[in-house]
Amino acid sequence: MLKKVEQFVKEAFEKSATGKSIAHFENTVYWIRQLRPDADEPIIIAAFAHDIARAFRKTNTEQTFKTKEFNDPAILEEHQKEGAIIISRFLKKEGYEQEKIERIKNMIGKHEVGGDAESNLIKDADSLSYFETNAIKHVGLAKTLGTEKVRKKMAWMFERISSPKAKEIAKPFYEKTRARLKNIY
């Protein structure tokens, strides 16, 4: 099923207005495997598909966040909920086991805020991947969105990490990106 999900996510983003590459999703899976080498297929699927809702939004990151904070609770809630619905529908259509669908739905439905071991794992891997693949893009958005907004996004992505191991891994990435933001602007 993982290959089908990967194809679904890739095709969804190829058609999307966001222009997001799949590098973040692949890297999230990488970090899942580093943090939990015995992760099963539902965890890997949730990691790869956690941001699927972004493929279906009508605006890009810059347009969306001109007037809102990156960690706006309403945006996060909608993003998590929509992603969980989208991937659940896809998996059901493909005949995936309902129990596994429910786990994936829960992980994606909480991947920004966590709350249980599997959702926290997705959240932590998402943050690690963010610092490796997406944070520098946000530094580039500081001219239009404002340095403080980007700084807050990076701080939130770091502070939300719940695993001490993941936080230790993320710290040098976080500090390097913060330094770039300070040096550029």
C-alpha atoms as a PDB file:
ATOM      1  CA  MET A   1       0.000   0.000   0.000  1.00  0.00           C
ATOM      2  CA  LEU A   2       2.902   2.364   0.658  1.00  0.00           C
ATOM      3  CA  LYS A   3       3.773   2.546  -3.058  1.00  0.00           C
ATOM      4  CA  LYS A   4       0.164   3.446  -3.906  1.00  0.00           C
ATOM      5  CA  VAL A   5       0.153   6.185  -1.263  1.00  0.00           C
ATOM      6  CA  GLU A   6       3.465   7.565  -2.530  1.00  0.00           C
ATOM      7  CA  GLN A   7       2.062   7.707  -6.066  1.00  0.00           C
ATOM      8  CA  PHE A   8      -1.165   9.349  -4.865  1.00  0.00           C
ATOM      9  CA  VAL A   9       0.749  12.015  -2.915  1.00  0.00           C
ATOM     10  CA  LYS A  10       3.194  12.691  -5.768  1.00  0.00           C
ATOM     11  CA  GLU A  11       0.397  13.068  -8.311  1.00  0.00           C
ATOM     12  CA  ALA A  12      -1.640  15.293  -5.985  1.00  0.00           C
ATOM     13  CA  PHE A  13       1.279  17.686  -5.525  1.00  0.00           C
ATOM     14  CA  GLU A  14       2.142  17.702  -9.233  1.00  0.00           C
ATOM     15  CA  LYS A  15      -1.353  19.121  -9.840  1.00  0.00           C
ATOM     16  CA  SER A  16      -1.368  21.496  -6.860  1.00  0.00           C
ATOM     17  CA  ALA A  17      -1.045  25.262  -6.504  1.00  0.00           C
ATOM     18  CA  THR A  18       1.489  24.932  -3.686  1.00  0.00           C
ATOM     19  CA  GLY A  19       4.508  23.870  -5.696  1.00  0.00           C
ATOM     20  CA  LYS A  20       5.655  21.695  -2.790  1.00  0.00           C
ATOM     21  CA  SER A  21       8.151  18.971  -3.600  1.00  0.00           C
ATOM     22  CA  ILE A  22       8.017  15.521  -2.050  1.00  0.00           C
ATOM     23  CA  ALA A  23      11.496  15.860  -0.526  1.00  0.00           C
ATOM     24  CA  HIS A  24       9.911  16.870   2.793  1.00  0.00           C
ATOM     25  CA  PHE A  25       7.761  13.731   2.832  1.00  0.00           C
ATOM     26  CA  GLU A  26      10.637  11.422   1.938  1.00  0.00           C
ATOM     27  CA  ASN A  27      12.750  13.069   4.612  1.00  0.00           C
ATOM     28  CA  THR A  28       9.965  12.711   7.185  1.00  0.00           C
ATOM     29  CA  VAL A  29       9.975   8.962   6.478  1.00  0.00           C
ATOM     30  CA  TYR A  30      13.769   8.939   6.855  1.00  0.00           C
ATOM     31  CA  TRP A  31      13.478  10.536  10.304  1.00  0.00           C
ATOM     32  CA  ILE A  32      10.717   8.125  11.340  1.00  0.00           C
ATOM     33  CA  ARG A  33      13.087   5.272  10.553  1.00  0.00           C
ATOM     34  CA  GLN A  34      15.876   6.922  12.549  1.00  0.00           C
ATOM     35  CA  LEU A  35      13.674   7.584  15.562  1.00  0.00           C
ATOM     36  CA  ARG A  36      11.788   4.284  15.421  1.00  0.00           C
ATOM     37  CA  PRO A  37      13.519   1.648  13.272  1.00  0.00           C
ATOM     38  CA  ASP A  38      10.672  -0.836  13.815  1.00  0.00           C
ATOM     39  CA  ALA A  39       7.988   1.546  12.486  1.00  0.00           C
ATOM     40  CA  ASP A  40       5.279  -0.372  10.658  1.00  0.00           C
ATOM     41  CA  GLU A  41       3.559   0.464   7.376  1.00  0.00           C
ATOM     42  CA  PRO A  42       0.766   2.637   8.852  1.00  0.00           C
ATOM     43  CA  ILE A  43       3.358   4.866  10.538  1.00  0.00           C
ATOM     44  CA  ILE A  44       5.378   5.144   7.316  1.00  0.00           C
ATOM     45  CA  ILE A  45       2.226   5.916   5.321  1.00  0.00           C
ATOM     46  CA  ALA A  46       1.211   8.612   7.814  1.00  0.00           C
ATOM     47  CA  ALA A  47       4.704  10.108   7.646  1.00  0.00           C
ATOM     48  CA  PHE A  48       4.691  10.252   3.859  1.00  0.00           C
ATOM     49  CA  ALA A  49       1.126  11.562   3.567  1.00  0.00           C
ATOM     50  CA  HIS A  50       0.967  13.859   6.610  1.00  0.00           C
ATOM     51  CA  ASP A  51       0.774  17.073   4.549  1.00  0.00           C
ATOM     52  CA  ILE A  52      -1.529  15.769   1.790  1.00  0.00           C
ATOM     53  CA  ALA A  53      -4.069  18.515   2.535  1.00  0.00           C
ATOM     54  CA  ARG A  54      -1.570  21.095   1.228  1.00  0.00           C
ATOM     55  CA  ALA A  55      -1.906  19.588  -2.249  1.00  0.00           C
ATOM     56  CA  PHE A  56      -5.575  20.539  -2.254  1.00  0.00           C
ATOM     57  CA  ARG A  57      -5.422  24.084  -0.931  1.00  0.00           C
ATOM     58  CA  LYS A  58      -6.070  26.903  -3.348  1.00  0.00           C
ATOM     59  CA  THR A  59      -3.243  29.243  -2.339  1.00  0.00           C
ATOM     60  CA  ASN A  60       0.492  28.922  -1.850  1.00  0.00           C
ATOM     61  CA  THR A  61       2.300  29.395   1.460  1.00  0.00           C
ATOM     62  CA  GLU A  62       3.069  33.067   0.904  1.00  0.00           C
ATOM     63  CA  GLN A  63      -0.545  33.938   0.067  1.00  0.00           C
ATOM     64  CA  THR A  64      -1.938  31.893   2.955  1.00  0.00           C
ATOM     65  CA  PHE A  65       0.317  33.367   5.637  1.00  0.00           C
ATOM     66  CA  LYS A  66       0.413  37.050   4.683  1.00  0.00           C
ATOM     67  CA  THR A  67      -2.272  37.740   7.273  1.00  0.00           C
ATOM     68  CA  LYS A  68      -2.016  34.683   9.534  1.00  0.00           C
ATOM     69  CA  GLU A  69       0.615  33.058  11.713  1.00  0.00           C
ATOM     70  CA  PHE A  70       2.114  29.763  10.562  1.00  0.00           C
ATOM     71  CA  ASN A  71       0.888  28.055  13.728  1.00  0.00           C
ATOM     72  CA  ASP A  72      -2.602  29.585  13.704  1.00  0.00           C
ATOM     73  CA  PRO A  73      -4.715  26.993  15.576  1.00  0.00           C
ATOM     74  CA  ALA A  74      -7.613  27.175  13.111  1.00  0.00           C
ATOM     75  CA  ILE A  75      -5.323  26.616  10.125  1.00  0.00           C
ATOM     76  CA  LEU A  76      -3.528  23.740  11.860  1.00  0.00           C
ATOM     77  CA  GLU A  77      -6.806  22.096  12.855  1.00  0.00           C
ATOM     78  CA  GLU A  78      -8.219  22.351   9.335  1.00  0.00           C
ATOM     79  CA  HIS A  79      -4.946  21.118   7.798  1.00  0.00           C
ATOM     80  CA  GLN A  80      -4.825  18.065  10.074  1.00  0.00           C
ATOM     81  CA  LYS A  81      -8.531  17.254   9.688  1.00  0.00           C
ATOM     82  CA  GLU A  82      -8.551  17.622   5.899  1.00  0.00           C
ATOM     83  CA  GLY A  83      -5.397  15.543   5.515  1.00  0.00           C
ATOM     84  CA  ALA A  84      -6.847  12.767   7.659  1.00  0.00           C
ATOM     85  CA  ILE A  85     -10.044  12.737   5.594  1.00  0.00           C
ATOM     86  CA  ILE A  86      -8.249  12.783   2.233  1.00  0.00           C
ATOM     87  CA  ILE A  87      -5.905   9.911   3.027  1.00  0.00           C
ATOM     88  CA  SER A  88      -8.633   7.888   4.764  1.00  0.00           C
ATOM     89  CA  ARG A  89     -10.852   8.101   1.679  1.00  0.00           C
ATOM     90  CA  PHE A  90      -7.981   7.061  -0.553  1.00  0.00           C
ATOM     91  CA  LEU A  91      -7.019   4.100   1.640  1.00  0.00           C
ATOM     92  CA  LYS A  92     -10.632   2.946   1.948  1.00  0.00           C
ATOM     93  CA  LYS A  93     -11.053   3.106  -1.826  1.00  0.00           C
ATOM     94  CA  GLU A  94      -7.912   0.976  -2.145  1.00  0.00           C
ATOM     95  CA  GLY A  95      -9.311  -1.623   0.275  1.00  0.00           C
ATOM     96  CA  TYR A  96      -6.817  -1.074   3.075  1.00  0.00           C
ATOM     97  CA  GLU A  97      -7.621  -2.547   6.494  1.00  0.00           C
ATOM     98  CA  GLN A  98      -9.975  -0.309   8.503  1.00  0.00           C
ATOM     99  CA  GLU A  99      -7.971  -0.640  11.730  1.00  0.00           C
ATOM    100  CA  LYS A 100      -4.844   0.608   9.948  1.00  0.00           C
ATOM    101  CA  ILE A 101      -6.808   3.403   8.285  1.00  0.00           C
ATOM    102  CA  GLU A 102      -7.973   4.563  11.725  1.00  0.00           C
ATOM    103  CA  ARG A 103      -4.396   4.645  13.023  1.00  0.00           C
ATOM    104  CA  ILE A 104      -3.229   6.642   9.998  1.00  0.00           C
ATOM    105  CA  LYS A 105      -6.202   8.983  10.301  1.00  0.00           C
ATOM    106  CA  ASN A 106      -5.336   9.588  13.959  1.00  0.00           C
ATOM    107  CA  MET A 107      -1.646  10.250  13.238  1.00  0.00           C
ATOM    108  CA  ILE A 108      -2.328  12.679  10.397  1.00  0.00           C
ATOM    109  CA  GLY A 109      -5.195  14.223  12.346  1.00  0.00           C
ATOM    110  CA  LYS A 110      -2.774  15.125  15.156  1.00  0.00           C
ATOM    111  CA  HIS A 111       0.574  15.477  13.384  1.00  0.00           C
ATOM    112  CA  GLU A 112       0.924  19.191  14.147  1.00  0.00           C
ATOM    113  CA  VAL A 113       0.107  18.957  17.848  1.00  0.00           C
ATOM    114  CA  GLY A 114       0.660  15.324  18.835  1.00  0.00           C
ATOM    115  CA  GLY A 115      -0.957  13.852  21.895  1.00  0.00           C
ATOM    116  CA  ASP A 116      -0.132  10.155  21.705  1.00  0.00           C
ATOM    117  CA  ALA A 117       3.023   8.159  20.943  1.00  0.00           C
ATOM    118  CA  GLU A 118       2.402   7.685  17.213  1.00  0.00           C
ATOM    119  CA  SER A 119       1.215  11.244  16.558  1.00  0.00           C
ATOM    120  CA  ASN A 120       4.166  12.601  18.537  1.00  0.00           C
ATOM    121  CA  LEU A 121       6.514  10.497  16.417  1.00  0.00           C
ATOM    122  CA  ILE A 122       5.056  11.925  13.182  1.00  0.00           C
ATOM    123  CA  LYS A 123       5.231  15.458  14.631  1.00  0.00           C
ATOM    124  CA  ASP A 124       8.870  15.058  15.650  1.00  0.00           C
ATOM    125  CA  ALA A 125       9.920  13.587  12.290  1.00  0.00           C
ATOM    126  CA  ASP A 126       7.972  16.361  10.536  1.00  0.00           C
ATOM    127  CA  SER A 127       9.918  18.986  12.504  1.00  0.00           C
ATOM    128  CA  LEU A 128      13.263  17.340  11.754  1.00  0.00           C
ATOM    129  CA  SER A 129      12.413  17.204   8.070  1.00  0.00           C
ATOM    130  CA  TYR A 130      11.199  20.803   8.180  1.00  0.00           C
ATOM    131  CA  PHE A 131      14.586  22.011   9.375  1.00  0.00           C
ATOM    132  CA  GLU A 132      16.397  20.037   6.684  1.00  0.00           C
ATOM    133  CA  THR A 133      14.129  20.720   3.716  1.00  0.00           C
ATOM    134  CA  ASN A 134      11.718  23.614   4.323  1.00  0.00           C
ATOM    135  CA  ALA A 135      13.147  26.069   6.860  1.00  0.00           C
ATOM    136  CA  ILE A 136      15.514  27.677   4.382  1.00  0.00           C
ATOM    137  CA  LYS A 137      12.553  28.308   2.060  1.00  0.00           C
ATOM    138  CA  HIS A 138      10.854  30.146   4.903  1.00  0.00           C
ATOM    139  CA  VAL A 139      13.988  32.243   5.443  1.00  0.00           C
ATOM    140  CA  GLY A 140      13.524  33.310   1.822  1.00  0.00           C
ATOM    141  CA  LEU A 141       9.937  34.336   2.584  1.00  0.00           C
ATOM    142  CA  ALA A 142      11.039  36.692   5.368  1.00  0.00           C
ATOM    143  CA  LYS A 143      11.173  39.643   2.953  1.00  0.00           C
ATOM    144  CA  THR A 144       7.480  39.362   2.176  1.00  0.00           C
ATOM    145  CA  LEU A 145       6.090  37.776   5.345  1.00  0.00           C
ATOM    146  CA  GLY A 146       8.390  39.417   7.872  1.00  0.00           C
ATOM    147  CA  THR A 147      11.392  38.159   9.796  1.00  0.00           C
ATOM    148  CA  GLU A 148       9.484  37.873  13.069  1.00  0.00           C
ATOM    149  CA  LYS A 149       6.801  35.647  11.532  1.00  0.00           C
ATOM    150  CA  VAL A 150       9.439  33.300  10.111  1.00  0.00           C
ATOM    151  CA  ARG A 151      11.384  33.308  13.389  1.00  0.00           C
ATOM    152  CA  LYS A 152       8.206  32.346  15.257  1.00  0.00           C
ATOM    153  CA  LYS A 153       7.528  29.515  12.805  1.00  0.00           C
ATOM    154  CA  MET A 154      11.010  28.081  13.312  1.00  0.00           C
ATOM    155  CA  ALA A 155      10.800  28.418  17.102  1.00  0.00           C
ATOM    156  CA  TRP A 156       7.421  26.693  17.136  1.00  0.00           C
ATOM    157  CA  MET A 157       8.658  23.834  14.931  1.00  0.00           C
ATOM    158  CA  PHE A 158      11.564  23.305  17.333  1.00  0.00           C
ATOM    159  CA  GLU A 159       9.682  23.760  20.594  1.00  0.00           C
ATOM    160  CA  ARG A 160       6.906  21.323  19.635  1.00  0.00           C
ATOM    161  CA  ILE A 161       9.356  18.406  19.418  1.00  0.00           C
ATOM    162  CA  SER A 162       8.534  16.042  22.274  1.00  0.00           C
ATOM    163  CA  SER A 163      11.288  13.421  22.051  1.00  0.00           C
ATOM    164  CA  PRO A 164      14.600  14.390  23.710  1.00  0.00           C
ATOM    165  CA  LYS A 165      16.446  12.426  20.995  1.00  0.00           C
ATOM    166  CA  ALA A 166      14.649  14.281  18.190  1.00  0.00           C
ATOM    167  CA  LYS A 167      15.200  17.628  19.904  1.00  0.00           C
ATOM    168  CA  GLU A 168      18.927  16.900  20.228  1.00  0.00           C
ATOM    169  CA  ILE A 169      19.111  16.017  16.520  1.00  0.00           C
ATOM    170  CA  ALA A 170      17.106  19.096  15.509  1.00  0.00           C
ATOM    171  CA  LYS A 171      19.005  21.643  17.598  1.00  0.00           C
ATOM    172  CA  PRO A 172      21.969  22.207  15.217  1.00  0.00           C
ATOM    173  CA  PHE A 173      19.606  22.479  12.224  1.00  0.00           C
ATOM    174  CA  TYR A 174      17.454  24.969  14.120  1.00  0.00           C
ATOM    175  CA  GLU A 175      20.414  27.071  15.228  1.00  0.00           C
ATOM    176  CA  LYS A 176      21.925  27.107  11.734  1.00  0.00           C
ATOM    177  CA  THR A 177      18.657  28.240  10.156  1.00  0.00           C
ATOM    178  CA  ARG A 178      18.093  30.910  12.819  1.00  0.00           C
ATOM    179  CA  ALA A 179      21.601  32.227  12.171  1.00  0.00           C
ATOM    180  CA  ARG A 180      20.884  32.429   8.444  1.00  0.00           C
ATOM    181  CA  LEU A 181      17.713  34.376   9.140  1.00  0.00           C
ATOM    182  CA  LYS A 182      19.651  36.830  11.342  1.00  0.00           C
ATOM    183  CA  ASN A 183      22.476  37.185   8.798  1.00  0.00           C
ATOM    184  CA  ILE A 184      20.232  37.751   5.811  1.00  0.00           C
ATOM    185  CA  TYR A 185      17.780  40.169   7.360  1.00  0.00           C
END
